[in-house]
Protein backbone atom coordinates (compact mmCIF):
# COMPACT_ATOMS: atom_id res chain seq x y z
CA MET A 1 4.80 -111.48 -69.41
CA ALA A 2 6.91 -108.31 -69.06
CA ARG A 3 7.09 -106.81 -65.55
CA SER A 4 9.41 -103.87 -66.23
CA GLY A 5 6.58 -101.29 -66.34
CA LYS A 6 6.30 -100.73 -62.57
CA PRO A 7 9.54 -98.74 -62.11
CA ARG A 8 8.70 -96.74 -65.23
CA SER A 9 5.24 -95.95 -63.90
CA ALA A 10 6.73 -94.92 -60.53
CA ALA A 11 9.16 -92.60 -62.33
CA GLY A 12 6.26 -91.22 -64.37
CA ARG A 13 4.28 -90.48 -61.20
CA LEU A 14 7.27 -88.69 -59.73
CA ARG A 15 7.68 -86.64 -62.89
CA ARG A 16 4.00 -85.71 -62.83
CA GLY A 17 4.26 -84.72 -59.17
CA PHE A 18 7.23 -82.46 -59.82
CA SER A 19 5.45 -81.04 -62.87
CA TRP A 20 2.48 -80.08 -60.71
CA LEU A 21 4.88 -78.40 -58.27
CA ALA A 22 6.29 -76.36 -61.16
CA VAL A 23 2.77 -75.44 -62.33
CA LEU A 24 1.86 -74.30 -58.81
CA GLY A 25 5.05 -72.28 -58.76
CA VAL A 26 4.10 -70.56 -62.03
CA VAL A 27 0.68 -69.70 -60.58
CA LEU A 28 2.28 -68.22 -57.45
CA VAL A 29 4.77 -66.22 -59.53
CA LEU A 30 1.95 -64.79 -61.65
CA ALA A 31 -0.05 -63.97 -58.52
CA GLY A 32 2.99 -62.26 -57.02
CA LEU A 33 3.60 -60.18 -60.14
CA VAL A 34 -0.07 -59.12 -60.28
CA GLY A 35 0.08 -58.27 -56.59
CA LEU A 36 3.15 -56.09 -57.11
CA VAL A 37 1.35 -54.20 -59.87
CA TYR A 38 -1.83 -53.81 -57.79
CA ALA A 39 -0.23 -53.49 -54.34
CA GLY A 40 -3.25 -51.73 -52.85
CA VAL A 41 -5.59 -54.57 -53.78
CA ALA A 42 -3.00 -57.08 -52.55
CA THR A 43 -2.82 -55.28 -49.20
CA LEU A 44 -6.58 -55.37 -48.76
CA THR A 45 -6.76 -59.02 -49.88
CA SER A 46 -3.96 -60.12 -47.58
CA MET A 47 -5.51 -58.34 -44.59
CA LEU A 48 -8.94 -59.91 -45.22
CA LEU A 49 -7.27 -63.31 -45.60
CA PHE A 50 -5.36 -62.74 -42.38
CA GLY A 51 -8.56 -61.75 -40.57
CA TRP A 52 -10.43 -64.83 -41.76
CA LEU A 53 -7.52 -67.06 -40.75
CA LEU A 54 -7.59 -65.54 -37.26
CA LEU A 55 -11.35 -65.99 -37.07
CA ILE A 56 -11.31 -69.61 -38.24
CA GLY A 57 -8.31 -70.42 -36.04
CA GLY A 58 -10.07 -68.90 -33.04
CA ALA A 59 -13.24 -70.90 -33.72
CA VAL A 60 -11.25 -74.14 -34.04
CA GLY A 61 -9.30 -73.30 -30.86
CA LEU A 62 -12.56 -72.61 -28.99
CA LEU A 63 -13.94 -75.96 -30.13
CA HIS A 64 -10.82 -77.73 -28.88
CA ALA A 65 -11.02 -75.85 -25.59
CA VAL A 66 -14.65 -76.90 -25.09
CA GLN A 67 -13.68 -80.50 -25.79
CA ALA A 68 -10.93 -80.20 -23.17
CA ARG A 69 -13.16 -78.69 -20.47
CA GLY A 70 -12.36 -79.84 -16.99
CA THR A 71 -8.60 -79.68 -17.63
CA SER A 72 -6.07 -76.97 -16.81
CA TYR A 73 -5.88 -76.14 -20.54
CA PHE A 74 -9.54 -75.10 -20.75
CA TRP A 75 -9.41 -71.46 -19.62
CA LEU A 76 -6.13 -70.75 -21.42
CA GLY A 77 -7.60 -72.20 -24.61
CA VAL A 78 -10.77 -70.13 -24.22
CA VAL A 79 -8.82 -66.90 -23.68
CA VAL A 80 -6.51 -67.49 -26.66
CA ALA A 81 -9.42 -68.47 -28.90
CA ALA A 82 -11.44 -65.42 -27.83
CA LEU A 83 -8.48 -63.12 -28.57
CA ASN A 84 -8.04 -64.68 -32.02
CA ILE A 85 -11.74 -64.31 -32.80
CA ALA A 86 -11.79 -60.70 -31.59
CA ALA A 87 -8.66 -59.86 -33.61
CA GLY A 88 -10.12 -61.55 -36.69
CA VAL A 89 -13.36 -59.55 -36.42
CA VAL A 90 -11.43 -56.29 -36.01
CA VAL A 91 -9.16 -57.01 -39.00
CA ILE A 92 -12.10 -58.00 -41.23
CA ARG A 93 -14.17 -54.95 -40.26
CA MET A 94 -11.27 -52.46 -40.41
CA PRO A 95 -8.67 -53.88 -42.84
CA HIS A 96 -7.14 -50.46 -43.62
CA ALA A 97 -6.58 -49.65 -39.94
CA ALA A 98 -5.11 -53.11 -39.39
CA ALA A 99 -2.81 -52.62 -42.38
CA ALA A 100 -1.65 -49.29 -40.94
CA ALA A 101 -0.90 -50.91 -37.58
CA LEU A 102 1.00 -53.78 -39.20
CA THR A 103 2.94 -51.36 -41.40
CA MET A 104 3.99 -49.38 -38.33
CA PHE A 105 5.06 -52.61 -36.63
CA ALA A 106 7.03 -53.68 -39.73
CA ALA A 107 8.78 -50.30 -39.94
CA LEU A 108 9.78 -50.44 -36.26
CA LEU A 109 10.96 -54.03 -36.77
CA PHE A 110 13.14 -52.99 -39.72
CA LEU A 111 14.55 -50.07 -37.73
CA SER A 112 15.42 -52.17 -34.70
CA ALA A 113 16.89 -54.98 -36.83
CA GLY A 114 18.94 -52.50 -38.85
CA LEU A 115 20.32 -50.79 -35.75
CA PHE A 116 21.11 -54.15 -34.14
CA ARG A 117 22.98 -55.37 -37.24
CA LEU A 118 24.87 -52.10 -37.68
CA VAL A 119 25.99 -51.91 -34.06
CA GLY A 120 26.74 -55.64 -33.94
CA SER A 121 28.83 -55.56 -37.09
CA LEU A 122 30.82 -52.53 -35.88
CA VAL A 123 31.45 -54.05 -32.45
CA VAL A 124 32.21 -57.65 -33.46
CA ARG A 125 33.84 -57.05 -36.88
CA GLY A 126 33.60 -60.73 -37.79
CA PRO A 127 34.31 -62.40 -41.14
CA GLN A 128 30.89 -61.29 -42.46
CA PHE A 129 31.45 -57.66 -41.43
CA GLY A 130 30.73 -56.07 -44.82
CA TRP A 131 27.68 -58.20 -45.55
CA THR A 132 26.17 -57.62 -42.09
CA LEU A 133 26.85 -53.90 -42.34
CA LEU A 134 25.14 -53.75 -45.74
CA LEU A 135 22.09 -55.68 -44.51
CA GLY A 136 21.83 -53.45 -41.45
CA ALA A 137 21.99 -50.31 -43.56
CA PHE A 138 19.35 -51.70 -45.92
CA ASP A 139 16.99 -52.60 -43.05
CA LEU A 140 17.50 -49.19 -41.48
CA LEU A 141 16.86 -47.37 -44.76
CA LEU A 142 13.74 -49.45 -45.46
CA GLY A 143 12.37 -48.77 -41.99
CA ILE A 144 12.99 -45.02 -42.36
CA LEU A 145 11.32 -44.94 -45.79
CA VAL A 146 8.25 -46.86 -44.60
CA LEU A 147 7.94 -44.88 -41.39
CA GLY A 148 8.55 -41.55 -43.13
CA SER A 149 5.61 -42.04 -45.49
CA TRP A 150 3.30 -43.65 -42.92
CA PRO A 151 0.25 -43.94 -42.92
CA SER A 152 0.04 -43.62 -46.72
CA SER A 153 2.67 -46.37 -47.04
CA SER A 154 0.28 -48.79 -45.35
CA GLN A 155 -1.75 -48.93 -48.56
CA TYR A 156 0.97 -50.84 -50.43
CA VAL A 157 3.67 -52.09 -48.03
CA ILE A 158 1.84 -55.17 -46.72
CA GLY A 159 0.61 -56.05 -50.22
CA ALA A 160 4.12 -55.66 -51.64
CA PHE A 161 5.60 -57.93 -48.95
CA PHE A 162 2.82 -60.48 -49.47
CA SER A 163 3.33 -60.40 -53.25
CA LEU A 164 7.11 -60.76 -52.92
CA ALA A 165 6.59 -63.77 -50.65
CA LEU A 166 4.33 -65.36 -53.28
CA LEU A 167 6.86 -64.55 -56.00
CA PHE A 168 9.85 -66.10 -54.22
CA ASP A 169 7.84 -69.12 -53.06
CA GLY A 170 6.72 -69.65 -56.65
CA LEU A 171 10.28 -69.40 -57.97
CA GLY A 172 11.36 -71.94 -55.34
CA LEU A 173 8.61 -74.36 -56.38
CA ILE A 174 9.52 -73.95 -60.06
CA ALA A 175 13.17 -74.70 -59.29
CA THR A 176 12.17 -77.71 -57.16
CA GLY A 177 9.83 -79.08 -59.82
CA TYR A 178 12.29 -78.59 -62.67
CA GLY A 179 15.21 -80.00 -60.67
CA GLY A 180 13.14 -82.92 -59.46
CA ARG A 181 12.11 -83.84 -62.99
CA ARG A 182 15.75 -83.75 -64.13
CA VAL A 183 16.90 -85.94 -61.22
CA VAL A 184 14.13 -88.48 -61.85
CA GLY A 185 14.99 -88.50 -65.55
CA LEU A 186 18.70 -89.06 -64.87
CA VAL A 187 18.01 -91.84 -62.37
CA ASP A 188 15.49 -93.46 -64.71
CA GLU A 189 17.89 -93.35 -67.65
CA GLY A 190 20.78 -94.66 -65.59
CA SER A 191 18.89 -97.59 -64.09
CA PRO A 192 19.52 -100.88 -65.93
CA ALA A 193 16.56 -102.26 -67.79
CA LYS A 194 15.11 -105.38 -66.24
CA PRO A 195 15.09 -108.45 -68.47
CA VAL A 196 11.75 -109.41 -69.88
CA GLN A 197 10.47 -112.57 -68.29
CA HIS A 198 8.50 -114.95 -70.47
CA GLU A 199 6.03 -117.37 -69.07
């Protein structure tokens, strides 16, 4: 009987796996594009998701802390879990205020990163001087734009960042799935066919 079907079936499973990665990537790209169009809805959705993740993470951490009672980890685990639960409740109940706070934090982060890159590139003047200077100027400009229109910018900034993350992650998964299928196909075509064994 022929026994050359096992490598083919393994290659087929790999192709299907990479195909599913590409499909997931397409879904993420579509979600990112929709989120960029409806940035306000994406901001609210991302904040609610963030709040629920904090709440669930705090509950799981509290359960682990209770299981580890009697150890030095117990009180630290309880405090961290309680902070996560409290933060999750606040974010879920006041998503717009949480988005405004996170937008302010992001703007200050962009400003500090831009200033650090600008000053560092001017002082060091390394081989990547121009690129570092450009990135620093971009970060600084983005921070000024976000901070200048705050708090109205909080309605779309977090959603836009979340949507861009989905978009780029989706493009990465599509590239991985497509490239993986090509590699499996090339390896499968280049492998010598096993002779058919007759009983």
